[in-house]
Amino acid sequence: MPIFTIDAPEGAPPDAKQKMLKEITEALDEAYHIPDIRGWLREYPRHNVSQDGRVGAEPVRPVCSLEAPELVSLDAKRKLVQKIEAAIAVLIRQYPLDNRWINEVFSARSIRSSGV
């Protein structure tokens, strides 16, 4: 089962959170076709986040962690990342994701021993 976690600054309206979680779930379902996709949104106040060792640094950027089978197709990876980025942008438009996130999602966090 694919599992994702979004760590983000607090304060987004409930309808934006619901939309983001739904869109990420739909993107994962389209990419993997595996039932029981689970997602968590963890929100943090600015004073509980450190960037480069500075507490309360601006801007606080969202982080997406994904535990799922590795996608073989580079195009499928790109499409999934684009959909996840677009979903997160709905929640927090002023905090763009860093392009380095793409490599982390599909290398360090992939489950390589999946039967899919």
PDB file of N, CA and C in Angstrom:
ATOM      1  N   MET A   1       0.833  -1.170   0.000  1.00  0.00           N
ATOM      2  CA  MET A   1       0.000   0.000   0.000  1.00  0.00           C
ATOM      3  C   MET A   1       0.883   1.240   0.000  1.00  0.00           C
ATOM      4  N   PRO A   2       0.659   2.181  -0.932  1.00  0.00           N
ATOM      5  CA  PRO A   2       1.403   3.444  -0.916  1.00  0.00           C
ATOM      6  C   PRO A   2       1.011   4.288   0.305  1.00  0.00           C
ATOM      7  N   ILE A   3       2.011   4.890   0.910  1.00  0.00           N
ATOM      8  CA  ILE A   3       1.807   5.746   2.083  1.00  0.00           C
ATOM      9  C   ILE A   3       2.535   7.059   1.831  1.00  0.00           C
ATOM     10  N   PHE A   4       1.861   8.172   2.125  1.00  0.00           N
ATOM     11  CA  PHE A   4       2.520   9.464   1.986  1.00  0.00           C
ATOM     12  C   PHE A   4       2.268  10.328   3.207  1.00  0.00           C
ATOM     13  N   THR A   5       3.218  11.219   3.457  1.00  0.00           N
ATOM     14  CA  THR A   5       3.113  12.176   4.553  1.00  0.00           C
ATOM     15  C   THR A   5       3.502  13.549   4.012  1.00  0.00           C
ATOM     16  N   ILE A   6       2.708  14.550   4.340  1.00  0.00           N
ATOM     17  CA  ILE A   6       3.027  15.929   4.003  1.00  0.00           C
ATOM     18  C   ILE A   6       3.311  16.658   5.312  1.00  0.00           C
ATOM     19  N   ASP A   7       4.505  17.224   5.442  1.00  0.00           N
ATOM     20  CA  ASP A   7       4.858  18.087   6.571  1.00  0.00           C
ATOM     21  C   ASP A   7       4.830  19.510   6.050  1.00  0.00           C
ATOM     22  N   ALA A   8       4.007  20.364   6.675  1.00  0.00           N
ATOM     23  CA  ALA A   8       3.792  21.705   6.127  1.00  0.00           C
ATOM     24  C   ALA A   8       3.531  22.723   7.232  1.00  0.00           C
ATOM     25  N   PRO A   9       3.661  23.997   6.887  1.00  0.00           N
ATOM     26  CA  PRO A   9       3.304  25.038   7.848  1.00  0.00           C
ATOM     27  C   PRO A   9       1.812  24.949   8.171  1.00  0.00           C
ATOM     28  N   GLU A  10       1.453  25.336   9.366  1.00  0.00           N
ATOM     29  CA  GLU A  10       0.048  25.294   9.756  1.00  0.00           C
ATOM     30  C   GLU A  10      -0.726  26.480   9.177  1.00  0.00           C
ATOM     31  N   GLY A  11      -2.047  26.342   9.185  1.00  0.00           N
ATOM     32  CA  GLY A  11      -2.886  27.468   8.845  1.00  0.00           C
ATOM     33  C   GLY A  11      -3.734  27.345   7.594  1.00  0.00           C
ATOM     34  N   ALA A  12      -3.608  26.286   6.832  1.00  0.00           N
ATOM     35  CA  ALA A  12      -4.422  26.144   5.623  1.00  0.00           C
ATOM     36  C   ALA A  12      -5.858  25.812   6.010  1.00  0.00           C
ATOM     37  N   PRO A  13      -6.831  26.291   5.225  1.00  0.00           N
ATOM     38  CA  PRO A  13      -8.233  25.986   5.524  1.00  0.00           C
ATOM     39  C   PRO A  13      -8.537  24.495   5.335  1.00  0.00           C
ATOM     40  N   PRO A  14      -9.497  23.955   6.078  1.00  0.00           N
ATOM     41  CA  PRO A  14      -9.829  22.528   5.987  1.00  0.00           C
ATOM     42  C   PRO A  14     -10.179  22.060   4.576  1.00  0.00           C
ATOM     43  N   ASP A  15     -10.874  22.869   3.794  1.00  0.00           N
ATOM     44  CA  ASP A  15     -11.247  22.436   2.439  1.00  0.00           C
ATOM     45  C   ASP A  15     -10.018  22.317   1.538  1.00  0.00           C
ATOM     46  N   ALA A  16      -9.001  23.158   1.740  1.00  0.00           N
ATOM     47  CA  ALA A  16      -7.761  23.060   0.955  1.00  0.00           C
ATOM     48  C   ALA A  16      -6.992  21.784   1.327  1.00  0.00           C
ATOM     49  N   LYS A  17      -6.978  21.454   2.618  1.00  0.00           N
ATOM     50  CA  LYS A  17      -6.311  20.229   3.067  1.00  0.00           C
ATOM     51  C   LYS A  17      -6.991  19.003   2.462  1.00  0.00           C
ATOM     52  N   GLN A  18      -8.320  18.995   2.507  1.00  0.00           N
ATOM     53  CA  GLN A  18      -9.080  17.866   1.961  1.00  0.00           C
ATOM     54  C   GLN A  18      -8.807  17.706   0.474  1.00  0.00           C
ATOM     55  N   LYS A  19      -8.793  18.816  -0.252  1.00  0.00           N
ATOM     56  CA  LYS A  19      -8.553  18.770  -1.695  1.00  0.00           C
ATOM     57  C   LYS A  19      -7.147  18.230  -1.992  1.00  0.00           C
ATOM     58  N   MET A  20      -6.158  18.711  -1.242  1.00  0.00           N
ATOM     59  CA  MET A  20      -4.781  18.254  -1.461  1.00  0.00           C
ATOM     60  C   MET A  20      -4.639  16.756  -1.213  1.00  0.00           C
ATOM     61  N   LEU A  21      -5.147  16.287  -0.090  1.00  0.00           N
ATOM     62  CA  LEU A  21      -5.042  14.871   0.239  1.00  0.00           C
ATOM     63  C   LEU A  21      -5.765  14.013  -0.797  1.00  0.00           C
ATOM     64  N   LYS A  22      -6.906  14.465  -1.267  1.00  0.00           N
ATOM     65  CA  LYS A  22      -7.666  13.725  -2.287  1.00  0.00           C
ATOM     66  C   LYS A  22      -6.893  13.665  -3.605  1.00  0.00           C
ATOM     67  N   GLU A  23      -6.322  14.793  -4.029  1.00  0.00           N
ATOM     68  CA  GLU A  23      -5.589  14.830  -5.296  1.00  0.00           C
ATOM     69  C   GLU A  23      -4.320  13.971  -5.255  1.00  0.00           C
ATOM     70  N   ILE A  24      -3.627  13.968  -4.140  1.00  0.00           N
ATOM     71  CA  ILE A  24      -2.431  13.124  -4.024  1.00  0.00           C
ATOM     72  C   ILE A  24      -2.830  11.649  -4.035  1.00  0.00           C
ATOM     73  N   THR A  25      -3.898  11.315  -3.332  1.00  0.00           N
ATOM     74  CA  THR A  25      -4.389   9.937  -3.331  1.00  0.00           C
ATOM     75  C   THR A  25      -4.765   9.494  -4.738  1.00  0.00           C
ATOM     76  N   GLU A  26      -5.450  10.357  -5.481  1.00  0.00           N
ATOM     77  CA  GLU A  26      -5.831  10.027  -6.859  1.00  0.00           C
ATOM     78  C   GLU A  26      -4.603   9.859  -7.756  1.00  0.00           C
ATOM     79  N   ALA A  27      -3.594  10.693  -7.570  1.00  0.00           N
ATOM     80  CA  ALA A  27      -2.365  10.583  -8.369  1.00  0.00           C
ATOM     81  C   ALA A  27      -1.646   9.261  -8.084  1.00  0.00           C
ATOM     82  N   LEU A  28      -1.585   8.883  -6.816  1.00  0.00           N
ATOM     83  CA  LEU A  28      -0.948   7.611  -6.453  1.00  0.00           C
ATOM     84  C   LEU A  28      -1.756   6.423  -6.972  1.00  0.00           C
ATOM     85  N   ASP A  29      -3.063   6.522  -6.915  1.00  0.00           N
ATOM     86  CA  ASP A  29      -3.905   5.450  -7.435  1.00  0.00           C
ATOM     87  C   ASP A  29      -3.706   5.284  -8.941  1.00  0.00           C
ATOM     88  N   GLU A  30      -3.605   6.407  -9.644  1.00  0.00           N
ATOM     89  CA  GLU A  30      -3.376   6.355 -11.095  1.00  0.00           C
ATOM     90  C   GLU A  30      -2.013   5.745 -11.428  1.00  0.00           C
ATOM     91  N   ALA A  31      -1.012   6.056 -10.623  1.00  0.00           N
ATOM     92  CA  ALA A  31       0.344   5.566 -10.894  1.00  0.00           C
ATOM     93  C   ALA A  31       0.519   4.092 -10.525  1.00  0.00           C
ATOM     94  N   TYR A  32      -0.117   3.648  -9.444  1.00  0.00           N
ATOM     95  CA  TYR A  32       0.158   2.316  -8.914  1.00  0.00           C
ATOM     96  C   TYR A  32      -0.989   1.312  -9.011  1.00  0.00           C
ATOM     97  N   HIS A  33      -2.214   1.770  -8.970  1.00  0.00           N
ATOM     98  CA  HIS A  33      -3.382   0.872  -8.968  1.00  0.00           C
ATOM     99  C   HIS A  33      -3.298  -0.144  -7.827  1.00  0.00           C
ATOM    100  N   ILE A  34      -2.881   0.349  -6.658  1.00  0.00           N
ATOM    101  CA  ILE A  34      -2.790  -0.482  -5.460  1.00  0.00           C
ATOM    102  C   ILE A  34      -3.804   0.084  -4.453  1.00  0.00           C
ATOM    103  N   PRO A  35      -4.663  -0.774  -3.897  1.00  0.00           N
ATOM    104  CA  PRO A  35      -5.657  -0.256  -2.945  1.00  0.00           C
ATOM    105  C   PRO A  35      -5.028   0.141  -1.610  1.00  0.00           C
ATOM    106  N   ASP A  36      -5.833   0.823  -0.810  1.00  0.00           N
ATOM    107  CA  ASP A  36      -5.478   1.191   0.557  1.00  0.00           C
ATOM    108  C   ASP A  36      -4.345   2.218   0.614  1.00  0.00           C
ATOM    109  N   ILE A  37      -4.468   3.291  -0.141  1.00  0.00           N
ATOM    110  CA  ILE A  37      -3.499   4.397  -0.094  1.00  0.00           C
ATOM    111  C   ILE A  37      -3.792   5.215   1.157  1.00  0.00           C
ATOM    112  N   ARG A  38      -2.753   5.478   1.918  1.00  0.00           N
ATOM    113  CA  ARG A  38      -2.932   6.235   3.163  1.00  0.00           C
ATOM    114  C   ARG A  38      -2.068   7.488   3.142  1.00  0.00           C
ATOM    115  N   GLY A  39      -2.629   8.569   3.675  1.00  0.00           N
ATOM    116  CA  GLY A  39      -1.901   9.832   3.715  1.00  0.00           C
ATOM    117  C   GLY A  39      -2.096  10.563   5.023  1.00  0.00           C
ATOM    118  N   TRP A  40      -1.065  11.289   5.422  1.00  0.00           N
ATOM    119  CA  TRP A  40      -1.098  12.090   6.641  1.00  0.00           C
ATOM    120  C   TRP A  40      -0.621  13.491   6.329  1.00  0.00           C
ATOM    121  N   LEU A  41      -1.270  14.461   6.947  1.00  0.00           N
ATOM    122  CA  LEU A  41      -0.823  15.850   6.897  1.00  0.00           C
ATOM    123  C   LEU A  41      -0.410  16.230   8.311  1.00  0.00           C
ATOM    124  N   ARG A  42       0.859  16.597   8.460  1.00  0.00           N
ATOM    125  CA  ARG A  42       1.368  17.070   9.749  1.00  0.00           C
ATOM    126  C   ARG A  42       1.699  18.538   9.589  1.00  0.00           C
ATOM    127  N   GLU A  43       1.097  19.349  10.444  1.00  0.00           N
ATOM    128  CA  GLU A  43       1.315  20.797  10.370  1.00  0.00           C
ATOM    129  C   GLU A  43       2.139  21.260  11.567  1.00  0.00           C
ATOM    130  N   TYR A  44       3.002  22.232  11.285  1.00  0.00           N
ATOM    131  CA  TYR A  44       3.885  22.742  12.318  1.00  0.00           C
ATOM    132  C   TYR A  44       3.831  24.263  12.362  1.00  0.00           C
ATOM    133  N   PRO A  45       3.827  24.844  13.577  1.00  0.00           N
ATOM    134  CA  PRO A  45       3.963  26.298  13.665  1.00  0.00           C
ATOM    135  C   PRO A  45       5.382  26.702  13.262  1.00  0.00           C
ATOM    136  N   ARG A  46       5.509  27.900  12.751  1.00  0.00           N
ATOM    137  CA  ARG A  46       6.800  28.393  12.260  1.00  0.00           C
ATOM    138  C   ARG A  46       7.902  28.296  13.316  1.00  0.00           C
ATOM    139  N   HIS A  47       7.557  28.510  14.574  1.00  0.00           N
ATOM    140  CA  HIS A  47       8.574  28.483  15.641  1.00  0.00           C
ATOM    141  C   HIS A  47       9.022  27.056  16.000  1.00  0.00           C
ATOM    142  N   ASN A  48       8.440  26.037  15.359  1.00  0.00           N
ATOM    143  CA  ASN A  48       8.870  24.654  15.584  1.00  0.00           C
ATOM    144  C   ASN A  48       9.616  24.073  14.386  1.00  0.00           C
ATOM    145  N   VAL A  49      10.015  24.930  13.447  1.00  0.00           N
ATOM    146  CA  VAL A  49      10.701  24.475  12.242  1.00  0.00           C
ATOM    147  C   VAL A  49      12.030  25.200  12.117  1.00  0.00           C
ATOM    148  N   SER A  50      13.074  24.439  11.791  1.00  0.00           N
ATOM    149  CA  SER A  50      14.400  25.012  11.588  1.00  0.00           C
ATOM    150  C   SER A  50      14.827  24.781  10.146  1.00  0.00           C
ATOM    151  N   GLN A  51      15.339  25.807   9.525  1.00  0.00           N
ATOM    152  CA  GLN A  51      15.960  25.699   8.210  1.00  0.00           C
ATOM    153  C   GLN A  51      17.361  26.260   8.331  1.00  0.00           C
ATOM    154  N   ASP A  52      18.341  25.483   7.927  1.00  0.00           N
ATOM    155  CA  ASP A  52      19.742  25.882   8.032  1.00  0.00           C
ATOM    156  C   ASP A  52      20.100  26.301   9.457  1.00  0.00           C
ATOM    157  N   GLY A  53      19.486  25.623  10.438  1.00  0.00           N
ATOM    158  CA  GLY A  53      19.785  25.883  11.836  1.00  0.00           C
ATOM    159  C   GLY A  53      19.099  27.097  12.429  1.00  0.00           C
ATOM    160  N   ARG A  54      18.263  27.772  11.662  1.00  0.00           N
ATOM    161  CA  ARG A  54      17.557  28.964  12.160  1.00  0.00           C
ATOM    162  C   ARG A  54      16.094  28.619  12.418  1.00  0.00           C
ATOM    163  N   VAL A  55      15.656  28.739  13.656  1.00  0.00           N
ATOM    164  CA  VAL A  55      14.265  28.491  14.013  1.00  0.00           C
ATOM    165  C   VAL A  55      13.416  29.640  13.473  1.00  0.00           C
ATOM    166  N   GLY A  56      12.276  29.265  12.874  1.00  0.00           N
ATOM    167  CA  GLY A  56      11.364  30.280  12.341  1.00  0.00           C
ATOM    168  C   GLY A  56      11.819  30.862  11.022  1.00  0.00           C
ATOM    169  N   ALA A  57      12.735  30.211  10.335  1.00  0.00           N
ATOM    170  CA  ALA A  57      13.226  30.722   9.051  1.00  0.00           C
ATOM    171  C   ALA A  57      12.088  30.771   8.033  1.00  0.00           C
ATOM    172  N   GLU A  58      12.156  31.707   7.151  1.00  0.00           N
ATOM    173  CA  GLU A  58      11.145  31.852   6.094  1.00  0.00           C
ATOM    174  C   GLU A  58      11.754  31.547   4.753  1.00  0.00           C
ATOM    175  N   PRO A  59      11.050  31.030   3.798  1.00  0.00           N
ATOM    176  CA  PRO A  59       9.728  30.429   3.971  1.00  0.00           C
ATOM    177  C   PRO A  59       9.854  28.987   4.447  1.00  0.00           C
ATOM    178  N   VAL A  60       8.858  28.550   5.192  1.00  0.00           N
ATOM    179  CA  VAL A  60       8.791  27.155   5.594  1.00  0.00           C
ATOM    180  C   VAL A  60       8.224  26.393   4.409  1.00  0.00           C
ATOM    181  N   ARG A  61       8.988  25.465   3.870  1.00  0.00           N
ATOM    182  CA  ARG A  61       8.551  24.722   2.691  1.00  0.00           C
ATOM    183  C   ARG A  61       7.950  23.381   3.081  1.00  0.00           C
ATOM    184  N   PRO A  62       6.921  22.967   2.355  1.00  0.00           N
ATOM    185  CA  PRO A  62       6.361  21.642   2.636  1.00  0.00           C
ATOM    186  C   PRO A  62       7.314  20.540   2.190  1.00  0.00           C
ATOM    187  N   VAL A  63       7.211  19.399   2.853  1.00  0.00           N
ATOM    188  CA  VAL A  63       8.019  18.245   2.509  1.00  0.00           C
ATOM    189  C   VAL A  63       7.063  17.071   2.317  1.00  0.00           C
ATOM    190  N   CYS A  64       7.244  16.333   1.244  1.00  0.00           N
ATOM    191  CA  CYS A  64       6.430  15.148   0.972  1.00  0.00           C
ATOM    192  C   CYS A  64       7.313  13.911   1.060  1.00  0.00           C
ATOM    193  N   SER A  65       6.903  12.961   1.889  1.00  0.00           N
ATOM    194  CA  SER A  65       7.592  11.676   1.986  1.00  0.00           C
ATOM    195  C   SER A  65       6.660  10.612   1.433  1.00  0.00           C
ATOM    196  N   LEU A  66       7.219   9.714   0.629  1.00  0.00           N
ATOM    197  CA  LEU A  66       6.417   8.696  -0.035  1.00  0.00           C
ATOM    198  C   LEU A  66       7.052   7.322   0.135  1.00  0.00           C
ATOM    199  N   GLU A  67       6.265   6.376   0.612  1.00  0.00           N
ATOM    200  CA  GLU A  67       6.684   4.973   0.696  1.00  0.00           C
ATOM    201  C   GLU A  67       5.812   4.216  -0.291  1.00  0.00           C
ATOM    202  N   ALA A  68       6.405   3.787  -1.396  1.00  0.00           N
ATOM    203  CA  ALA A  68       5.652   3.109  -2.451  1.00  0.00           C
ATOM    204  C   ALA A  68       6.627   2.339  -3.327  1.00  0.00           C
ATOM    205  N   PRO A  69       6.107   1.394  -4.103  1.00  0.00           N
ATOM    206  CA  PRO A  69       6.988   0.677  -5.022  1.00  0.00           C
ATOM    207  C   PRO A  69       7.650   1.627  -6.010  1.00  0.00           C
ATOM    208  N   GLU A  70       8.834   1.283  -6.437  1.00  0.00           N
ATOM    209  CA  GLU A  70       9.546   2.114  -7.404  1.00  0.00           C
ATOM    210  C   GLU A  70       8.842   2.051  -8.755  1.00  0.00           C
ATOM    211  N   LEU A  71       8.653   3.208  -9.361  1.00  0.00           N
ATOM    212  CA  LEU A  71       8.095   3.258 -10.713  1.00  0.00           C
ATOM    213  C   LEU A  71       9.235   3.075 -11.710  1.00  0.00           C
ATOM    214  N   VAL A  72       9.068   2.180 -12.645  1.00  0.00           N
ATOM    215  CA  VAL A  72      10.113   1.886 -13.624  1.00  0.00           C
ATOM    216  C   VAL A  72      10.218   2.997 -14.668  1.00  0.00           C
ATOM    217  N   SER A  73       9.084   3.510 -15.103  1.00  0.00           N
ATOM    218  CA  SER A  73       9.048   4.506 -16.165  1.00  0.00           C
ATOM    219  C   SER A  73       9.388   5.900 -15.637  1.00  0.00           C
ATOM    220  N   LEU A  74      10.363   6.541 -16.266  1.00  0.00           N
ATOM    221  CA  LEU A  74      10.716   7.909 -15.903  1.00  0.00           C
ATOM    222  C   LEU A  74       9.546   8.855 -16.162  1.00  0.00           C
ATOM    223  N   ASP A  75       8.813   8.631 -17.245  1.00  0.00           N
ATOM    224  CA  ASP A  75       7.644   9.461 -17.537  1.00  0.00           C
ATOM    225  C   ASP A  75       6.573   9.315 -16.457  1.00  0.00           C
ATOM    226  N   ALA A  76       6.373   8.106 -15.961  1.00  0.00           N
ATOM    227  CA  ALA A  76       5.395   7.889 -14.893  1.00  0.00           C
ATOM    228  C   ALA A  76       5.832   8.606 -13.621  1.00  0.00           C
ATOM    229  N   LYS A  77       7.141   8.594 -13.325  1.00  0.00           N
ATOM    230  CA  LYS A  77       7.662   9.310 -12.161  1.00  0.00           C
ATOM    231  C   LYS A  77       7.414  10.811 -12.294  1.00  0.00           C
ATOM    232  N   ARG A  78       7.735  11.343 -13.470  1.00  0.00           N
ATOM    233  CA  ARG A  78       7.543  12.781 -13.702  1.00  0.00           C
ATOM    234  C   ARG A  78       6.081  13.176 -13.556  1.00  0.00           C
ATOM    235  N   LYS A  79       5.201  12.380 -14.130  1.00  0.00           N
ATOM    236  CA  LYS A  79       3.768  12.674 -14.073  1.00  0.00           C
ATOM    237  C   LYS A  79       3.278  12.660 -12.628  1.00  0.00           C
ATOM    238  N   LEU A  80       3.713  11.672 -11.852  1.00  0.00           N
ATOM    239  CA  LEU A  80       3.317  11.588 -10.451  1.00  0.00           C
ATOM    240  C   LEU A  80       3.830  12.793  -9.668  1.00  0.00           C
ATOM    241  N   VAL A  81       5.088  13.150  -9.857  1.00  0.00           N
ATOM    242  CA  VAL A  81       5.663  14.297  -9.146  1.00  0.00           C
ATOM    243  C   VAL A  81       4.923  15.584  -9.506  1.00  0.00           C
ATOM    244  N   GLN A  82       4.618  15.774 -10.784  1.00  0.00           N
ATOM    245  CA  GLN A  82       3.886  16.969 -11.209  1.00  0.00           C
ATOM    246  C   GLN A  82       2.516  17.045 -10.533  1.00  0.00           C
ATOM    247  N   LYS A  83       1.832  15.923 -10.441  1.00  0.00           N
ATOM    248  CA  LYS A  83       0.510  15.912  -9.811  1.00  0.00           C
ATOM    249  C   LYS A  83       0.600  16.168  -8.312  1.00  0.00           C
ATOM    250  N   ILE A  84       1.615  15.604  -7.667  1.00  0.00           N
ATOM    251  CA  ILE A  84       1.786  15.847  -6.233  1.00  0.00           C
ATOM    252  C   ILE A  84       2.146  17.314  -5.992  1.00  0.00           C
ATOM    253  N   GLU A  85       3.056  17.865  -6.797  1.00  0.00           N
ATOM    254  CA  GLU A  85       3.412  19.279  -6.653  1.00  0.00           C
ATOM    255  C   GLU A  85       2.195  20.175  -6.846  1.00  0.00           C
ATOM    256  N   ALA A  86       1.360  19.884  -7.843  1.00  0.00           N
ATOM    257  CA  ALA A  86       0.161  20.681  -8.105  1.00  0.00           C
ATOM    258  C   ALA A  86      -0.815  20.579  -6.932  1.00  0.00           C
ATOM    259  N   ALA A  87      -0.936  19.401  -6.354  1.00  0.00           N
ATOM    260  CA  ALA A  87      -1.833  19.224  -5.213  1.00  0.00           C
ATOM    261  C   ALA A  87      -1.346  20.015  -4.002  1.00  0.00           C
ATOM    262  N   ILE A  88      -0.043  19.980  -3.749  1.00  0.00           N
ATOM    263  CA  ILE A  88       0.511  20.727  -2.621  1.00  0.00           C
ATOM    264  C   ILE A  88       0.399  22.229  -2.865  1.00  0.00           C
ATOM    265  N   ALA A  89       0.520  22.649  -4.119  1.00  0.00           N
ATOM    266  CA  ALA A  89       0.400  24.072  -4.453  1.00  0.00           C
ATOM    267  C   ALA A  89      -0.986  24.608  -4.105  1.00  0.00           C
ATOM    268  N   VAL A  90      -1.995  23.755  -4.187  1.00  0.00           N
ATOM    269  CA  VAL A  90      -3.349  24.163  -3.795  1.00  0.00           C
ATOM    270  C   VAL A  90      -3.361  24.523  -2.317  1.00  0.00           C
ATOM    271  N   LEU A  91      -2.622  23.769  -1.533  1.00  0.00           N
ATOM    272  CA  LEU A  91      -2.574  24.004  -0.090  1.00  0.00           C
ATOM    273  C   LEU A  91      -1.736  25.229   0.244  1.00  0.00           C
ATOM    274  N   ILE A  92      -0.557  25.314  -0.323  1.00  0.00           N
ATOM    275  CA  ILE A  92       0.384  26.374   0.047  1.00  0.00           C
ATOM    276  C   ILE A  92       1.041  26.911  -1.210  1.00  0.00           C
ATOM    277  N   ARG A  93       0.414  27.837  -1.868  1.00  0.00           N
ATOM    278  CA  ARG A  93       0.914  28.352  -3.142  1.00  0.00           C
ATOM    279  C   ARG A  93       2.236  29.116  -3.018  1.00  0.00           C
ATOM    280  N   GLN A  94       2.499  29.730  -1.891  1.00  0.00           N
ATOM    281  CA  GLN A  94       3.703  30.553  -1.764  1.00  0.00           C
ATOM    282  C   GLN A  94       4.944  29.765  -1.378  1.00  0.00           C
ATOM    283  N   TYR A  95       4.851  28.457  -1.230  1.00  0.00           N
ATOM    284  CA  TYR A  95       5.997  27.658  -0.840  1.00  0.00           C
ATOM    285  C   TYR A  95       6.303  26.614  -1.916  1.00  0.00           C
ATOM    286  N   PRO A  96       6.999  26.976  -3.003  1.00  0.00           N
ATOM    287  CA  PRO A  96       7.268  26.016  -4.078  1.00  0.00           C
ATOM    288  C   PRO A  96       8.219  24.916  -3.621  1.00  0.00           C
ATOM    289  N   LEU A  97       8.027  23.735  -4.187  1.00  0.00           N
ATOM    290  CA  LEU A  97       8.908  22.613  -3.868  1.00  0.00           C
ATOM    291  C   LEU A  97      10.220  22.746  -4.618  1.00  0.00           C
ATOM    292  N   ASP A  98      11.257  22.283  -4.009  1.00  0.00           N
ATOM    293  CA  ASP A  98      12.581  22.286  -4.596  1.00  0.00           C
ATOM    294  C   ASP A  98      12.704  21.105  -5.550  1.00  0.00           C
ATOM    295  N   ASN A  99      13.356  21.274  -6.691  1.00  0.00           N
ATOM    296  CA  ASN A  99      13.502  20.196  -7.671  1.00  0.00           C
ATOM    297  C   ASN A  99      14.273  18.999  -7.121  1.00  0.00           C
ATOM    298  N   ARG A 100      15.088  19.186  -6.087  1.00  0.00           N
ATOM    299  CA  ARG A 100      15.823  18.068  -5.495  1.00  0.00           C
ATOM    300  C   ARG A 100      14.870  17.038  -4.890  1.00  0.00           C
ATOM    301  N   TRP A 101      13.637  17.472  -4.578  1.00  0.00           N
ATOM    302  CA  TRP A 101      12.634  16.589  -3.997  1.00  0.00           C
ATOM    303  C   TRP A 101      12.359  15.404  -4.912  1.00  0.00           C
ATOM    304  N   ILE A 102      12.391  15.599  -6.221  1.00  0.00           N
ATOM    305  CA  ILE A 102      12.096  14.533  -7.180  1.00  0.00           C
ATOM    306  C   ILE A 102      13.031  13.349  -6.960  1.00  0.00           C
ATOM    307  N   ASN A 103      14.315  13.600  -6.829  1.00  0.00           N
ATOM    308  CA  ASN A 103      15.279  12.520  -6.643  1.00  0.00           C
ATOM    309  C   ASN A 103      15.077  11.795  -5.318  1.00  0.00           C
ATOM    310  N   GLU A 104      14.765  12.530  -4.266  1.00  0.00           N
ATOM    311  CA  GLU A 104      14.585  11.914  -2.958  1.00  0.00           C
ATOM    312  C   GLU A 104      13.381  10.982  -2.959  1.00  0.00           C
ATOM    313  N   VAL A 105      12.286  11.429  -3.547  1.00  0.00           N
ATOM    314  CA  VAL A 105      11.068  10.634  -3.528  1.00  0.00           C
ATOM    315  C   VAL A 105      11.280   9.287  -4.194  1.00  0.00           C
ATOM    316  N   PHE A 106      11.987   9.266  -5.318  1.00  0.00           N
ATOM    317  CA  PHE A 106      12.057   8.046  -6.092  1.00  0.00           C
ATOM    318  C   PHE A 106      13.343   7.259  -5.924  1.00  0.00           C
ATOM    319  N   SER A 107      14.233   7.690  -5.066  1.00  0.00           N
ATOM    320  CA  SER A 107      15.408   6.870  -4.819  1.00  0.00           C
ATOM    321  C   SER A 107      15.457   6.443  -3.354  1.00  0.00           C
ATOM    322  N   ALA A 108      15.579   7.377  -2.472  1.00  0.00           N
ATOM    323  CA  ALA A 108      15.764   7.041  -1.063  1.00  0.00           C
ATOM    324  C   ALA A 108      14.517   6.446  -0.427  1.00  0.00           C
ATOM    325  N   ARG A 109      13.328   6.784  -0.909  1.00  0.00           N
ATOM    326  CA  ARG A 109      12.113   6.370  -0.241  1.00  0.00           C
ATOM    327  C   ARG A 109      11.357   5.249  -0.959  1.00  0.00           C
ATOM    328  N   SER A 110      11.871   4.715  -2.031  1.00  0.00           N
ATOM    329  CA  SER A 110      11.159   3.678  -2.773  1.00  0.00           C
ATOM    330  C   SER A 110      11.298   2.318  -2.110  1.00  0.00           C
ATOM    331  N   ILE A 111      10.269   1.541  -2.231  1.00  0.00           N
ATOM    332  CA  ILE A 111      10.323   0.165  -1.756  1.00  0.00           C
ATOM    333  C   ILE A 111      10.755  -0.677  -2.945  1.00  0.00           C
ATOM    334  N   ARG A 112      11.957  -1.211  -2.903  1.00  0.00           N
ATOM    335  CA  ARG A 112      12.514  -1.896  -4.054  1.00  0.00           C
ATOM    336  C   ARG A 112      12.086  -3.362  -4.149  1.00  0.00           C
ATOM    337  N   SER A 113      11.622  -3.917  -3.076  1.00  0.00           N
ATOM    338  CA  SER A 113      11.301  -5.337  -3.100  1.00  0.00           C
ATOM    339  C   SER A 113       9.807  -5.602  -3.292  1.00  0.00           C
ATOM    340  N   SER A 114       9.121  -4.711  -3.963  1.00  0.00           N
ATOM    341  CA  SER A 114       7.684  -4.866  -4.162  1.00  0.00           C
ATOM    342  C   SER A 114       7.408  -5.902  -5.256  1.00  0.00           C
ATOM    343  N   GLY A 115       6.284  -6.555  -5.126  1.00  0.00           N
ATOM    344  CA  GLY A 115       5.868  -7.529  -6.109  1.00  0.00           C
ATOM    345  C   GLY A 115       5.107  -6.912  -7.268  1.00  0.00           C
ATOM    346  N   VAL A 116       5.009  -5.587  -7.301  1.00  0.00           N
ATOM    347  CA  VAL A 116       4.244  -4.905  -8.350  1.00  0.00           C
ATOM    348  C   VAL A 116       5.076  -4.740  -9.595  1.00  0.00           C
TER     349      VAL A 116
END
